[in-house]
N, C-alpha and C. Protein backbone atom coordinates (compact mmCIF):
# COMPACT_ATOMS: atom_id res chain seq x y z
N MET A 1 16.95 38.23 10.88
CA MET A 1 16.33 36.97 10.49
C MET A 1 15.88 37.07 9.04
N GLN A 2 15.90 35.94 8.37
CA GLN A 2 15.49 35.91 6.97
C GLN A 2 13.98 36.05 6.86
N LYS A 3 13.54 36.53 5.69
CA LYS A 3 12.10 36.61 5.47
C LYS A 3 11.56 35.20 5.26
N PHE A 4 10.24 35.06 5.42
CA PHE A 4 9.62 33.74 5.33
C PHE A 4 9.77 33.17 3.92
N HIS A 5 10.14 31.90 3.87
CA HIS A 5 10.25 31.19 2.59
C HIS A 5 9.66 29.80 2.79
N PHE A 6 8.69 29.45 1.95
CA PHE A 6 8.07 28.13 2.00
C PHE A 6 8.80 27.23 1.01
N ALA A 7 9.42 26.20 1.51
CA ALA A 7 10.26 25.33 0.67
C ALA A 7 9.46 24.62 -0.42
N LEU A 8 8.18 24.41 -0.18
CA LEU A 8 7.35 23.68 -1.16
C LEU A 8 6.47 24.63 -1.99
N GLU A 9 6.91 25.87 -2.14
CA GLU A 9 6.11 26.86 -2.88
C GLU A 9 5.86 26.42 -4.32
N SER A 10 6.86 25.86 -4.97
CA SER A 10 6.68 25.43 -6.36
C SER A 10 5.69 24.27 -6.44
N VAL A 11 5.72 23.39 -5.45
CA VAL A 11 4.75 22.28 -5.42
C VAL A 11 3.35 22.82 -5.18
N LEU A 12 3.24 23.82 -4.31
CA LEU A 12 1.95 24.45 -4.05
C LEU A 12 1.39 25.07 -5.32
N LYS A 13 2.23 25.76 -6.08
CA LYS A 13 1.79 26.37 -7.35
C LYS A 13 1.34 25.28 -8.34
N LEU A 14 2.07 24.18 -8.37
CA LEU A 14 1.71 23.06 -9.24
C LEU A 14 0.34 22.50 -8.84
N ARG A 15 0.15 22.30 -7.53
CA ARG A 15 -1.14 21.77 -7.05
C ARG A 15 -2.28 22.75 -7.34
N GLU A 16 -1.99 24.02 -7.25
CA GLU A 16 -3.01 25.02 -7.56
C GLU A 16 -3.40 24.95 -9.04
N THR A 17 -2.41 24.81 -9.89
CA THR A 17 -2.66 24.69 -11.33
C THR A 17 -3.44 23.41 -11.63
N GLN A 18 -3.05 22.32 -10.99
CA GLN A 18 -3.76 21.06 -11.20
C GLN A 18 -5.21 21.18 -10.75
N LEU A 19 -5.44 21.83 -9.62
CA LEU A 19 -6.81 22.03 -9.15
C LEU A 19 -7.62 22.84 -10.15
N GLU A 20 -7.03 23.90 -10.67
CA GLU A 20 -7.73 24.73 -11.66
C GLU A 20 -8.07 23.92 -12.91
N LEU A 21 -7.15 23.07 -13.35
CA LEU A 21 -7.40 22.23 -14.52
C LEU A 21 -8.53 21.24 -14.26
N GLN A 22 -8.52 20.63 -13.08
CA GLN A 22 -9.57 19.67 -12.74
C GLN A 22 -10.93 20.37 -12.65
N GLN A 23 -10.95 21.57 -12.08
CA GLN A 23 -12.20 22.32 -11.99
C GLN A 23 -12.71 22.71 -13.38
N ALA A 24 -11.80 23.07 -14.26
CA ALA A 24 -12.20 23.43 -15.63
C ALA A 24 -12.77 22.21 -16.35
N ALA A 25 -12.14 21.06 -16.16
CA ALA A 25 -12.65 19.83 -16.79
C ALA A 25 -14.03 19.49 -16.24
N LEU A 26 -14.22 19.71 -14.95
CA LEU A 26 -15.53 19.45 -14.34
C LEU A 26 -16.58 20.39 -14.91
N GLN A 27 -16.23 21.66 -15.07
CA GLN A 27 -17.17 22.62 -15.64
C GLN A 27 -17.52 22.25 -17.09
N ASN A 28 -16.54 21.76 -17.84
CA ASN A 28 -16.80 21.34 -19.22
C ASN A 28 -17.80 20.19 -19.26
N LEU A 29 -17.65 19.25 -18.32
CA LEU A 29 -18.58 18.12 -18.28
C LEU A 29 -19.99 18.57 -17.89
N TYR A 30 -20.08 19.51 -16.96
CA TYR A 30 -21.40 20.06 -16.61
C TYR A 30 -22.04 20.75 -17.81
N ALA A 31 -21.23 21.47 -18.58
CA ALA A 31 -21.74 22.14 -19.78
C ALA A 31 -22.21 21.10 -20.80
N GLU A 32 -21.43 20.03 -20.95
CA GLU A 32 -21.82 18.96 -21.88
C GLU A 32 -23.15 18.33 -21.45
N LEU A 33 -23.29 18.08 -20.16
CA LEU A 33 -24.53 17.50 -19.64
C LEU A 33 -25.71 18.44 -19.88
N GLN A 34 -25.48 19.72 -19.67
CA GLN A 34 -26.53 20.71 -19.90
C GLN A 34 -26.93 20.73 -21.38
N THR A 35 -25.96 20.63 -22.27
CA THR A 35 -26.25 20.60 -23.71
C THR A 35 -27.07 19.37 -24.07
N LEU A 36 -26.71 18.23 -23.50
CA LEU A 36 -27.46 17.00 -23.78
C LEU A 36 -28.89 17.12 -23.27
N ASP A 37 -29.07 17.69 -22.09
CA ASP A 37 -30.42 17.90 -21.56
C ASP A 37 -31.24 18.81 -22.48
N LYS A 38 -30.59 19.87 -22.97
CA LYS A 38 -31.26 20.81 -23.86
C LYS A 38 -31.67 20.10 -25.16
N GLU A 39 -30.76 19.29 -25.71
CA GLU A 39 -31.08 18.55 -26.94
C GLU A 39 -32.26 17.60 -26.72
N GLN A 40 -32.28 16.93 -25.56
CA GLN A 40 -33.39 16.02 -25.26
C GLN A 40 -34.71 16.79 -25.18
N THR A 41 -34.69 17.93 -24.54
CA THR A 41 -35.89 18.75 -24.42
C THR A 41 -36.37 19.21 -25.79
N GLU A 42 -35.43 19.65 -26.62
CA GLU A 42 -35.80 20.12 -27.96
C GLU A 42 -36.39 18.99 -28.81
N LEU A 43 -35.82 17.79 -28.70
CA LEU A 43 -36.38 16.65 -29.44
C LEU A 43 -37.80 16.34 -28.97
N GLY A 44 -37.99 16.38 -27.67
CA GLY A 44 -39.34 16.14 -27.13
C GLY A 44 -40.34 17.16 -27.64
N LEU A 45 -39.91 18.41 -27.72
CA LEU A 45 -40.79 19.47 -28.23
C LEU A 45 -41.09 19.26 -29.71
N GLU A 46 -40.08 18.89 -30.48
CA GLU A 46 -40.30 18.63 -31.91
C GLU A 46 -41.30 17.50 -32.11
N LYS A 47 -41.15 16.46 -31.31
CA LYS A 47 -42.06 15.31 -31.40
C LYS A 47 -43.48 15.74 -31.05
N SER A 48 -43.60 16.53 -30.01
CA SER A 48 -44.91 17.01 -29.58
C SER A 48 -45.56 17.90 -30.64
N HIS A 49 -44.76 18.80 -31.23
CA HIS A 49 -45.29 19.68 -32.28
C HIS A 49 -45.73 18.88 -33.51
N ALA A 50 -44.95 17.87 -33.88
CA ALA A 50 -45.31 17.04 -35.02
C ALA A 50 -46.61 16.29 -34.74
N ASP A 51 -46.74 15.75 -33.54
CA ASP A 51 -47.99 15.07 -33.16
C ASP A 51 -49.18 16.02 -33.28
N SER A 52 -49.02 17.20 -32.73
CA SER A 52 -50.11 18.19 -32.77
C SER A 52 -50.44 18.59 -34.19
N ALA A 53 -49.43 18.78 -35.03
CA ALA A 53 -49.66 19.20 -36.42
C ALA A 53 -50.41 18.13 -37.19
N VAL A 54 -50.07 16.87 -36.99
CA VAL A 54 -50.73 15.79 -37.72
C VAL A 54 -52.15 15.60 -37.21
N LYS A 55 -52.34 15.68 -35.92
CA LYS A 55 -53.68 15.45 -35.36
C LYS A 55 -54.66 16.56 -35.68
N THR A 56 -54.17 17.76 -35.93
CA THR A 56 -55.07 18.86 -36.31
C THR A 56 -55.31 18.91 -37.81
N GLN A 57 -54.54 18.15 -38.56
CA GLN A 57 -54.67 18.14 -40.02
C GLN A 57 -55.84 17.22 -40.39
N SER A 58 -56.62 17.64 -41.38
CA SER A 58 -57.79 16.85 -41.75
C SER A 58 -57.60 16.05 -43.04
N SER A 59 -56.73 16.45 -43.91
CA SER A 59 -56.58 15.76 -45.19
C SER A 59 -55.40 14.81 -45.18
N ASN A 60 -55.55 13.71 -45.98
CA ASN A 60 -54.51 12.73 -46.19
C ASN A 60 -53.94 12.19 -44.87
N MET A 61 -54.84 11.80 -43.99
CA MET A 61 -54.50 11.38 -42.63
C MET A 61 -53.60 10.13 -42.62
N ALA A 62 -53.83 9.16 -43.48
CA ALA A 62 -53.05 7.92 -43.46
C ALA A 62 -51.58 8.20 -43.77
N LEU A 63 -51.33 8.99 -44.77
CA LEU A 63 -49.95 9.32 -45.14
C LEU A 63 -49.28 10.13 -44.03
N SER A 64 -50.02 11.04 -43.45
CA SER A 64 -49.49 11.87 -42.36
C SER A 64 -49.17 11.02 -41.14
N LEU A 65 -50.03 10.08 -40.81
CA LEU A 65 -49.78 9.21 -39.66
C LEU A 65 -48.56 8.31 -39.90
N PHE A 66 -48.39 7.85 -41.14
CA PHE A 66 -47.22 7.04 -41.47
C PHE A 66 -45.94 7.87 -41.32
N ALA A 67 -45.98 9.09 -41.83
CA ALA A 67 -44.82 9.99 -41.72
C ALA A 67 -44.54 10.32 -40.25
N LEU A 68 -45.61 10.53 -39.49
CA LEU A 68 -45.45 10.83 -38.07
C LEU A 68 -44.84 9.64 -37.33
N ASP A 69 -45.30 8.43 -37.67
CA ASP A 69 -44.76 7.24 -37.03
C ASP A 69 -43.26 7.09 -37.35
N THR A 70 -42.90 7.31 -38.61
CA THR A 70 -41.49 7.24 -39.00
C THR A 70 -40.67 8.29 -38.26
N PHE A 71 -41.22 9.50 -38.20
CA PHE A 71 -40.55 10.58 -37.49
C PHE A 71 -40.39 10.24 -36.00
N ASN A 72 -41.46 9.72 -35.38
CA ASN A 72 -41.42 9.37 -33.96
C ASN A 72 -40.37 8.28 -33.68
N ARG A 73 -40.28 7.30 -34.55
CA ARG A 73 -39.26 6.25 -34.37
C ARG A 73 -37.85 6.84 -34.49
N HIS A 74 -37.70 7.76 -35.44
CA HIS A 74 -36.41 8.44 -35.60
C HIS A 74 -36.06 9.25 -34.34
N VAL A 75 -37.02 9.99 -33.84
CA VAL A 75 -36.81 10.79 -32.62
C VAL A 75 -36.50 9.87 -31.45
N ASP A 76 -37.20 8.75 -31.35
CA ASP A 76 -36.93 7.79 -30.26
C ASP A 76 -35.50 7.27 -30.32
N ARG A 77 -35.00 6.98 -31.54
CA ARG A 77 -33.61 6.53 -31.68
C ARG A 77 -32.64 7.64 -31.26
N LEU A 78 -32.96 8.87 -31.68
CA LEU A 78 -32.10 9.99 -31.30
C LEU A 78 -32.11 10.19 -29.78
N GLN A 79 -33.30 10.08 -29.18
CA GLN A 79 -33.38 10.26 -27.72
C GLN A 79 -32.65 9.13 -26.99
N SER A 80 -32.74 7.93 -27.53
CA SER A 80 -32.02 6.81 -26.93
C SER A 80 -30.50 7.05 -27.00
N ALA A 81 -30.05 7.53 -28.17
CA ALA A 81 -28.62 7.84 -28.31
C ALA A 81 -28.22 8.96 -27.36
N LEU A 82 -29.07 9.97 -27.22
CA LEU A 82 -28.79 11.06 -26.29
C LEU A 82 -28.74 10.54 -24.85
N GLU A 83 -29.64 9.65 -24.53
CA GLU A 83 -29.66 9.08 -23.17
C GLU A 83 -28.37 8.30 -22.90
N SER A 84 -27.90 7.56 -23.90
CA SER A 84 -26.63 6.83 -23.74
C SER A 84 -25.48 7.80 -23.53
N ARG A 85 -25.46 8.86 -24.31
CA ARG A 85 -24.41 9.88 -24.16
C ARG A 85 -24.50 10.55 -22.79
N LYS A 86 -25.72 10.73 -22.33
CA LYS A 86 -25.93 11.36 -21.03
C LYS A 86 -25.43 10.46 -19.90
N VAL A 87 -25.72 9.16 -19.99
CA VAL A 87 -25.24 8.21 -18.99
C VAL A 87 -23.71 8.19 -18.99
N ASP A 88 -23.11 8.19 -20.18
CA ASP A 88 -21.65 8.24 -20.30
C ASP A 88 -21.11 9.51 -19.67
N CYS A 89 -21.75 10.62 -19.95
CA CYS A 89 -21.32 11.91 -19.40
C CYS A 89 -21.43 11.91 -17.88
N LEU A 90 -22.52 11.35 -17.35
CA LEU A 90 -22.69 11.28 -15.89
C LEU A 90 -21.59 10.44 -15.25
N GLY A 91 -21.20 9.35 -15.92
CA GLY A 91 -20.10 8.53 -15.42
C GLY A 91 -18.79 9.29 -15.39
N ARG A 92 -18.51 9.99 -16.49
CA ARG A 92 -17.28 10.79 -16.55
C ARG A 92 -17.32 11.93 -15.54
N LEU A 93 -18.53 12.45 -15.31
CA LEU A 93 -18.71 13.53 -14.33
C LEU A 93 -18.39 13.04 -12.92
N ALA A 94 -18.84 11.83 -12.59
CA ALA A 94 -18.55 11.26 -11.27
C ALA A 94 -17.05 11.08 -11.07
N VAL A 95 -16.39 10.57 -12.10
CA VAL A 95 -14.93 10.38 -12.03
C VAL A 95 -14.23 11.73 -11.88
N GLN A 96 -14.69 12.71 -12.64
CA GLN A 96 -14.05 14.04 -12.60
C GLN A 96 -14.29 14.73 -11.26
N ARG A 97 -15.48 14.53 -10.68
CA ARG A 97 -15.73 15.09 -9.34
C ARG A 97 -14.71 14.55 -8.35
N GLU A 98 -14.47 13.25 -8.42
CA GLU A 98 -13.51 12.62 -7.50
C GLU A 98 -12.10 13.18 -7.74
N ARG A 99 -11.73 13.34 -9.00
CA ARG A 99 -10.41 13.91 -9.31
C ARG A 99 -10.29 15.34 -8.76
N THR A 100 -11.37 16.08 -8.89
CA THR A 100 -11.37 17.46 -8.40
C THR A 100 -11.27 17.49 -6.88
N ILE A 101 -11.98 16.59 -6.22
CA ILE A 101 -11.91 16.51 -4.75
C ILE A 101 -10.49 16.18 -4.31
N VAL A 102 -9.87 15.21 -4.96
CA VAL A 102 -8.50 14.82 -4.62
C VAL A 102 -7.55 16.01 -4.84
N ALA A 103 -7.70 16.69 -5.98
CA ALA A 103 -6.83 17.84 -6.28
C ALA A 103 -7.04 18.95 -5.23
N ARG A 104 -8.28 19.16 -4.83
CA ARG A 104 -8.57 20.19 -3.81
C ARG A 104 -7.93 19.81 -2.48
N ARG A 105 -8.05 18.54 -2.10
CA ARG A 105 -7.44 18.09 -0.84
C ARG A 105 -5.93 18.27 -0.85
N GLU A 106 -5.30 17.88 -1.95
CA GLU A 106 -3.84 18.02 -2.05
C GLU A 106 -3.42 19.48 -1.98
N HIS A 107 -4.19 20.34 -2.62
CA HIS A 107 -3.89 21.77 -2.59
C HIS A 107 -4.09 22.32 -1.18
N GLU A 108 -5.21 21.99 -0.55
CA GLU A 108 -5.51 22.50 0.79
C GLU A 108 -4.49 22.00 1.81
N LEU A 109 -4.01 20.78 1.63
CA LEU A 109 -3.00 20.24 2.53
C LEU A 109 -1.74 21.10 2.49
N LEU A 110 -1.30 21.46 1.29
CA LEU A 110 -0.11 22.29 1.17
C LEU A 110 -0.36 23.71 1.67
N VAL A 111 -1.57 24.22 1.46
CA VAL A 111 -1.89 25.55 1.98
C VAL A 111 -1.82 25.55 3.50
N ARG A 112 -2.40 24.52 4.13
CA ARG A 112 -2.34 24.42 5.60
C ARG A 112 -0.89 24.27 6.08
N LEU A 113 -0.11 23.48 5.36
CA LEU A 113 1.29 23.30 5.72
C LEU A 113 2.03 24.64 5.64
N LYS A 114 1.77 25.40 4.59
CA LYS A 114 2.40 26.71 4.44
C LYS A 114 1.98 27.63 5.58
N GLU A 115 0.69 27.63 5.92
CA GLU A 115 0.20 28.47 7.01
C GLU A 115 0.85 28.08 8.33
N ASN A 116 0.96 26.78 8.59
CA ASN A 116 1.61 26.30 9.82
C ASN A 116 3.07 26.72 9.86
N ASN A 117 3.76 26.55 8.72
CA ASN A 117 5.17 26.96 8.64
C ASN A 117 5.32 28.45 8.88
N HIS A 118 4.38 29.24 8.33
CA HIS A 118 4.45 30.68 8.51
C HIS A 118 4.22 31.06 9.97
N ARG A 119 3.24 30.41 10.61
CA ARG A 119 3.01 30.68 12.03
C ARG A 119 4.24 30.34 12.86
N GLU A 120 4.86 29.21 12.57
CA GLU A 120 6.08 28.80 13.27
C GLU A 120 7.20 29.81 13.03
N TRP A 121 7.37 30.23 11.79
CA TRP A 121 8.39 31.22 11.46
C TRP A 121 8.09 32.53 12.21
N GLN A 122 6.82 32.93 12.26
CA GLN A 122 6.43 34.18 12.94
C GLN A 122 6.74 34.11 14.43
N ARG A 123 6.44 32.97 15.06
CA ARG A 123 6.77 32.80 16.48
C ARG A 123 8.29 32.90 16.69
N SER A 124 9.04 32.26 15.84
CA SER A 124 10.50 32.30 15.94
C SER A 124 11.00 33.73 15.73
N PHE A 125 10.44 34.40 14.76
CA PHE A 125 10.82 35.79 14.48
C PHE A 125 10.50 36.68 15.69
N ASP A 126 9.32 36.50 16.26
CA ASP A 126 8.92 37.29 17.43
C ASP A 126 9.85 37.03 18.61
N ARG A 127 10.21 35.75 18.84
CA ARG A 127 11.15 35.42 19.92
C ARG A 127 12.50 36.09 19.68
N GLU A 128 12.96 36.05 18.45
CA GLU A 128 14.24 36.67 18.13
C GLU A 128 14.18 38.17 18.35
N GLN A 129 13.08 38.79 17.98
CA GLN A 129 12.92 40.23 18.18
C GLN A 129 12.91 40.57 19.68
N GLU A 130 12.22 39.74 20.46
CA GLU A 130 12.20 39.94 21.91
C GLU A 130 13.61 39.80 22.48
N GLN A 131 14.33 38.82 22.02
CA GLN A 131 15.69 38.59 22.51
C GLN A 131 16.59 39.78 22.17
N VAL A 132 16.48 40.28 20.96
CA VAL A 132 17.29 41.44 20.55
C VAL A 132 16.91 42.65 21.39
N ALA A 133 15.61 42.85 21.59
CA ALA A 133 15.17 43.99 22.41
C ALA A 133 15.68 43.86 23.84
N SER A 134 15.63 42.66 24.39
CA SER A 134 16.13 42.43 25.75
C SER A 134 17.62 42.71 25.83
N GLU A 135 18.36 42.22 24.84
CA GLU A 135 19.80 42.44 24.83
C GLU A 135 20.13 43.93 24.71
N LEU A 136 19.37 44.65 23.89
CA LEU A 136 19.59 46.09 23.75
C LEU A 136 19.29 46.81 25.05
N TYR A 137 18.19 46.40 25.67
CA TYR A 137 17.82 47.02 26.94
C TYR A 137 18.90 46.78 27.99
N LEU A 138 19.35 45.53 28.08
CA LEU A 138 20.39 45.20 29.07
C LEU A 138 21.70 45.92 28.75
N ALA A 139 22.06 46.03 27.49
CA ALA A 139 23.28 46.74 27.11
C ALA A 139 23.17 48.21 27.49
N LYS A 140 22.00 48.80 27.22
CA LYS A 140 21.79 50.21 27.56
C LYS A 140 21.81 50.39 29.07
N TRP A 141 21.17 49.50 29.77
CA TRP A 141 21.13 49.57 31.24
C TRP A 141 22.54 49.43 31.81
N ALA A 142 23.30 48.46 31.27
CA ALA A 142 24.68 48.26 31.74
C ALA A 142 25.52 49.50 31.47
N GLN A 143 25.31 50.12 30.31
CA GLN A 143 26.07 51.32 29.97
C GLN A 143 25.70 52.45 30.93
N GLU A 144 24.41 52.59 31.23
CA GLU A 144 23.97 53.63 32.16
C GLU A 144 24.55 53.37 33.56
N GLN A 145 24.61 52.11 33.97
CA GLN A 145 25.18 51.76 35.26
C GLN A 145 26.67 52.09 35.31
N HIS A 146 27.32 51.81 34.22
CA HIS A 146 28.75 52.09 34.12
C HIS A 146 29.01 53.60 34.20
N VAL A 147 28.18 54.38 33.49
CA VAL A 147 28.34 55.83 33.47
C VAL A 147 28.05 56.40 34.86
N THR A 148 27.02 55.94 35.54
CA THR A 148 26.66 56.46 36.87
C THR A 148 27.68 56.07 37.93
N SER A 149 28.27 54.89 37.79
CA SER A 149 29.26 54.47 38.78
C SER A 149 30.60 55.18 38.56
N ASN A 150 30.90 55.62 37.34
CA ASN A 150 32.16 56.30 37.05
C ASN A 150 31.98 57.83 37.12
N GLY A 151 30.83 58.25 37.10
CA GLY A 151 30.60 59.59 36.90
C GLY A 151 30.39 60.61 37.81
């Protein structure tokens, strides 16, 4: 009997590669989201440090408060832009999760099909082996019967 061969092996390899690509894209989006979160945190800390520095300063308070207000408005614009980028990233992340799920399902379907085909091939192989063993046994038995009856 021939050794096991899965007819869709090349398709399985393609699906595996596609799954890996989708997972890599998903990881990239998670990294992007993490970077955006880090940038937001750093901006918040900068704003907090600037507030603290101005409030502890005793001289030229009016000019410092004006500069702080300008800085705070700038930070607010940056945080708003970061929030927009974050919302966009979350949307792309949701789409990519779905793509990854679909790629995983397609890959797993072919893996299960290959496993089923292999089990079927193994059963067929085992039956063939049993048949050959039976035929050998019967041939040997018939030969022994022939020898004993002639002998």
